[in-house]
Amino acid sequence: MEEMYSCDEPVGQRDRISIDVSDLREQIEQCRDDAAWSELPLSAKIRVLIKERLAELSPDKSPPSDS
């Protein structure tokens, strides 16, 4: 029998990690002051911050040069 996977399935256990953010929690919670940020759970805030930083580091996203 062939298994089918979709985008709606939960993330597999192998894709999850546990990290201690107790010393970072307050800084993460306070790094933005908009209402949407305050509504996000801590895990979503961490994902947003990681994704933003990775986008900054991505060589594909380099700023256009003035030629």
N, C-alpha and C. Protein backbone atom coordinates (compact mmCIF):
# COMPACT_ATOMS: atom_id res chain seq x y z
N MET A 1 0.84 -1.18 0.00
CA MET A 1 0.00 0.00 0.00
C MET A 1 0.89 1.25 0.00
N GLU A 2 0.59 2.20 -0.84
CA GLU A 2 1.38 3.41 -0.96
C GLU A 2 0.85 4.48 -0.01
N GLU A 3 1.76 5.13 0.73
CA GLU A 3 1.35 6.19 1.65
C GLU A 3 1.37 7.53 0.93
N MET A 4 0.39 8.35 1.20
CA MET A 4 0.32 9.68 0.61
C MET A 4 0.55 10.72 1.72
N TYR A 5 1.30 11.75 1.40
CA TYR A 5 1.56 12.82 2.35
C TYR A 5 1.03 14.12 1.77
N SER A 6 0.48 14.95 2.63
CA SER A 6 -0.02 16.24 2.18
C SER A 6 0.52 17.35 3.07
N CYS A 7 0.32 18.56 2.65
CA CYS A 7 0.77 19.72 3.41
C CYS A 7 -0.02 19.88 4.71
N ASP A 8 -1.18 19.27 4.77
CA ASP A 8 -2.04 19.43 5.94
C ASP A 8 -1.68 18.48 7.08
N GLU A 9 -0.79 17.53 6.82
CA GLU A 9 -0.41 16.58 7.86
C GLU A 9 0.49 17.27 8.87
N PRO A 10 0.41 16.85 10.14
CA PRO A 10 1.27 17.45 11.16
C PRO A 10 2.74 17.17 10.87
N VAL A 11 3.60 18.06 11.35
CA VAL A 11 5.03 17.90 11.16
C VAL A 11 5.48 16.65 11.91
N GLY A 12 6.32 15.87 11.28
CA GLY A 12 6.83 14.65 11.89
C GLY A 12 7.70 14.95 13.10
N GLN A 13 7.77 14.00 14.00
CA GLN A 13 8.55 14.17 15.22
C GLN A 13 10.02 14.47 14.90
N ARG A 14 10.54 13.91 13.82
CA ARG A 14 11.94 14.13 13.48
C ARG A 14 12.22 15.58 13.11
N ASP A 15 11.19 16.36 12.78
CA ASP A 15 11.36 17.76 12.42
C ASP A 15 11.18 18.70 13.60
N ARG A 16 11.00 18.16 14.77
CA ARG A 16 10.80 18.99 15.96
C ARG A 16 11.97 18.85 16.91
N ILE A 17 12.30 19.95 17.59
CA ILE A 17 13.35 19.92 18.60
C ILE A 17 12.85 20.65 19.84
N SER A 18 13.47 20.36 20.94
CA SER A 18 13.17 21.08 22.18
C SER A 18 14.39 21.92 22.54
N ILE A 19 14.15 23.20 22.78
CA ILE A 19 15.24 24.08 23.20
C ILE A 19 14.77 24.91 24.38
N ASP A 20 15.71 25.26 25.23
CA ASP A 20 15.41 26.07 26.40
C ASP A 20 15.55 27.54 26.01
N VAL A 21 14.45 28.26 26.00
CA VAL A 21 14.47 29.69 25.65
C VAL A 21 14.10 30.55 26.86
N SER A 22 14.23 29.97 28.05
CA SER A 22 13.82 30.69 29.25
C SER A 22 14.57 32.02 29.41
N ASP A 23 15.83 32.05 29.00
CA ASP A 23 16.60 33.29 29.12
C ASP A 23 16.32 34.27 27.98
N LEU A 24 15.62 33.82 26.94
CA LEU A 24 15.32 34.65 25.78
C LEU A 24 13.85 35.05 25.69
N ARG A 25 13.02 34.40 26.46
CA ARG A 25 11.57 34.59 26.33
C ARG A 25 11.13 36.04 26.40
N GLU A 26 11.57 36.75 27.39
CA GLU A 26 11.14 38.15 27.56
C GLU A 26 11.62 39.00 26.39
N GLN A 27 12.83 38.78 25.94
CA GLN A 27 13.38 39.54 24.81
C GLN A 27 12.59 39.25 23.53
N ILE A 28 12.22 37.99 23.32
CA ILE A 28 11.42 37.62 22.15
C ILE A 28 10.04 38.26 22.23
N GLU A 29 9.41 38.17 23.38
CA GLU A 29 8.07 38.73 23.56
C GLU A 29 8.05 40.24 23.34
N GLN A 30 9.13 40.93 23.72
CA GLN A 30 9.16 42.39 23.67
C GLN A 30 9.83 42.96 22.43
N CYS A 31 10.29 42.12 21.50
CA CYS A 31 11.05 42.66 20.36
C CYS A 31 10.17 43.42 19.37
N ARG A 32 8.86 43.26 19.45
CA ARG A 32 7.92 44.03 18.62
C ARG A 32 6.77 44.50 19.49
N ASP A 33 6.15 45.58 19.07
CA ASP A 33 5.07 46.11 19.90
C ASP A 33 3.71 46.15 19.20
N ASP A 34 3.61 45.49 18.02
CA ASP A 34 2.31 45.51 17.34
C ASP A 34 1.37 44.45 17.92
N ALA A 35 0.08 44.65 17.72
CA ALA A 35 -0.94 43.77 18.30
C ALA A 35 -0.84 42.34 17.77
N ALA A 36 -0.52 42.19 16.50
CA ALA A 36 -0.42 40.85 15.91
C ALA A 36 0.67 40.04 16.60
N TRP A 37 1.79 40.68 16.92
CA TRP A 37 2.90 39.99 17.59
C TRP A 37 2.46 39.49 18.96
N SER A 38 1.72 40.28 19.67
CA SER A 38 1.29 39.89 21.02
C SER A 38 0.31 38.72 20.99
N GLU A 39 -0.37 38.53 19.86
CA GLU A 39 -1.33 37.43 19.74
C GLU A 39 -0.68 36.11 19.36
N LEU A 40 0.53 36.16 18.80
CA LEU A 40 1.19 34.92 18.38
C LEU A 40 1.70 34.13 19.58
N PRO A 41 1.66 32.81 19.50
CA PRO A 41 2.28 32.01 20.55
C PRO A 41 3.81 32.13 20.44
N LEU A 42 4.51 31.85 21.50
CA LEU A 42 5.96 31.97 21.52
C LEU A 42 6.61 31.17 20.40
N SER A 43 6.14 29.97 20.15
CA SER A 43 6.74 29.14 19.10
C SER A 43 6.64 29.81 17.73
N ALA A 44 5.53 30.47 17.45
CA ALA A 44 5.37 31.16 16.17
C ALA A 44 6.29 32.38 16.09
N LYS A 45 6.46 33.07 17.21
CA LYS A 45 7.36 34.22 17.23
C LYS A 45 8.78 33.78 16.93
N ILE A 46 9.19 32.68 17.51
CA ILE A 46 10.54 32.15 17.27
C ILE A 46 10.71 31.78 15.81
N ARG A 47 9.71 31.13 15.23
CA ARG A 47 9.78 30.77 13.81
C ARG A 47 9.90 32.01 12.93
N VAL A 48 9.13 33.05 13.23
CA VAL A 48 9.18 34.30 12.45
C VAL A 48 10.59 34.89 12.52
N LEU A 49 11.14 34.96 13.72
CA LEU A 49 12.47 35.55 13.88
C LEU A 49 13.54 34.75 13.15
N ILE A 50 13.46 33.43 13.22
CA ILE A 50 14.43 32.59 12.52
C ILE A 50 14.30 32.76 11.02
N LYS A 51 13.07 32.73 10.51
CA LYS A 51 12.86 32.88 9.07
C LYS A 51 13.35 34.24 8.57
N GLU A 52 13.10 35.30 9.33
CA GLU A 52 13.56 36.62 8.93
C GLU A 52 15.09 36.68 8.88
N ARG A 53 15.72 36.10 9.87
CA ARG A 53 17.19 36.11 9.90
C ARG A 53 17.77 35.28 8.77
N LEU A 54 17.17 34.13 8.49
CA LEU A 54 17.64 33.30 7.38
C LEU A 54 17.48 34.02 6.05
N ALA A 55 16.40 34.76 5.89
CA ALA A 55 16.19 35.54 4.67
C ALA A 55 17.27 36.61 4.52
N GLU A 56 17.67 37.21 5.63
CA GLU A 56 18.73 38.22 5.60
C GLU A 56 20.06 37.60 5.16
N LEU A 57 20.31 36.38 5.58
CA LEU A 57 21.57 35.71 5.29
C LEU A 57 21.60 35.04 3.94
N SER A 58 20.45 34.88 3.32
CA SER A 58 20.36 34.18 2.04
C SER A 58 21.07 34.97 0.95
N PRO A 59 21.95 34.31 0.18
CA PRO A 59 22.64 35.02 -0.90
C PRO A 59 21.68 35.41 -2.03
N ASP A 60 20.54 34.75 -2.13
CA ASP A 60 19.55 35.08 -3.17
C ASP A 60 18.87 36.41 -2.90
N LYS A 61 18.92 36.88 -1.70
CA LYS A 61 18.22 38.09 -1.31
C LYS A 61 19.15 39.29 -1.18
N SER A 62 20.27 39.26 -1.87
CA SER A 62 21.22 40.36 -1.76
C SER A 62 20.61 41.63 -2.37
N PRO A 63 20.91 42.77 -1.78
CA PRO A 63 20.33 44.03 -2.29
C PRO A 63 20.88 44.34 -3.67
N PRO A 64 20.07 44.98 -4.52
CA PRO A 64 20.55 45.32 -5.87
C PRO A 64 21.69 46.31 -5.81
N SER A 65 22.67 46.16 -6.66
CA SER A 65 23.80 47.08 -6.66
C SER A 65 23.49 48.27 -7.57
N ASP A 66 24.05 49.40 -7.23
CA ASP A 66 23.87 50.61 -8.05
C ASP A 66 24.95 50.60 -9.11
N SER A 67 24.61 50.27 -10.34
CA SER A 67 25.59 50.20 -11.42
C SER A 67 25.43 51.38 -12.36
